[in-house]
């Protein structure tokens, strides 16, 4: 083993200094840590999808079916005329491809923090600077700080998650628009990340055509297909065409593609599931409101952020009772003693509430 250690010196020093993105082992737990849709496909649809996947030509590289999926997603999202859609192996790949496409000397990526960790991670891995602008204590956008950072840093990309992860809130539209306009004036891109759109009261899609520098990113993970890893990016055709040049050929497998097309053909099933999750979210928030010492924030996603007296103790207590949530208290100082709960089924939420109450 010692003979191979010198080869580690070939790995970038900043990579060796990084912490890997960790995924908790969820075996044996009620899994409410990753904002997954808790509902599976009905048995009849499982059988139908299985037959379709079994008939695919797995011996061939992905072909025209990807174009069919692009058209189906464009129609589903009501993409504006003159825009183009690009597919990614989850939103994570799209974020990485954006970093590659914008990697010019001195380029910076800017986003509010706390936010989705992959904005910073993908930027740093590509050698771009990342600038995080803290949210207010109530997790709202700090308009003055954001505008000052855009003026000073002149970022290549500004990410705005709508709603935000892990805080779950939709930001003030007037503030969002000021940031979008300021970034446009200095010649940078804005990426509106709508990963949680199925659960949100509003979308940016109606405003997308106003701005030639704004891209809208969505995923099928929260739609109910986290396992197939499919994200998509929409924007002005000329802009998306340039970013699409750095996409690896055949990045979407025929299996992923067919699963996504199948889901869109049965969109009403997933829309009903999203509606049920929104209803469960309201019941969960009401239940949390009855617990002493627990503070929650408004949610437009399939998660709820809460602050407890001792996040580590509560997290371990819930885990001991078989309920796995996400301890985000170390992610950022604004998240001190915060836990993030995924909205599950009625039974899962009841058990989560009971475990939380017993662990406070």
Foldseek 3Di string as FASTA:
>chain_A
DVVCVVVCVVPDPVVVVDDDDDDDDQPQFAEWADQFQQDDDPPVLVVVLVVVLVPDPQVDFDDCLVVVLQVLVCVVLVADPQKGKDKALAVLRVLLLVLVLQPDPLAEEEEEPPFDPSNCVSNVVSPHHYYYHYAPLQRERPLVSLLVCCVVSVHQEYEDEQPTPPQQDGYDPVSVVVNLVSNVVSPHAYEYEDQFVLQAPDDCNVVQVVDQRYKYKYACRNLRCVPQRMIMIMHRHVVVVSSNVSDDPSNHGPSSSSVSVSCSVVSVVSSVSSVQLNVLVVVLVVLQVPAPQKDWHDHSGQKTKIAHPAQVQLQVQLVVVRHHHARCCPVDVSNNRMTMTGRYHNVNSVSSSVSNNVRD
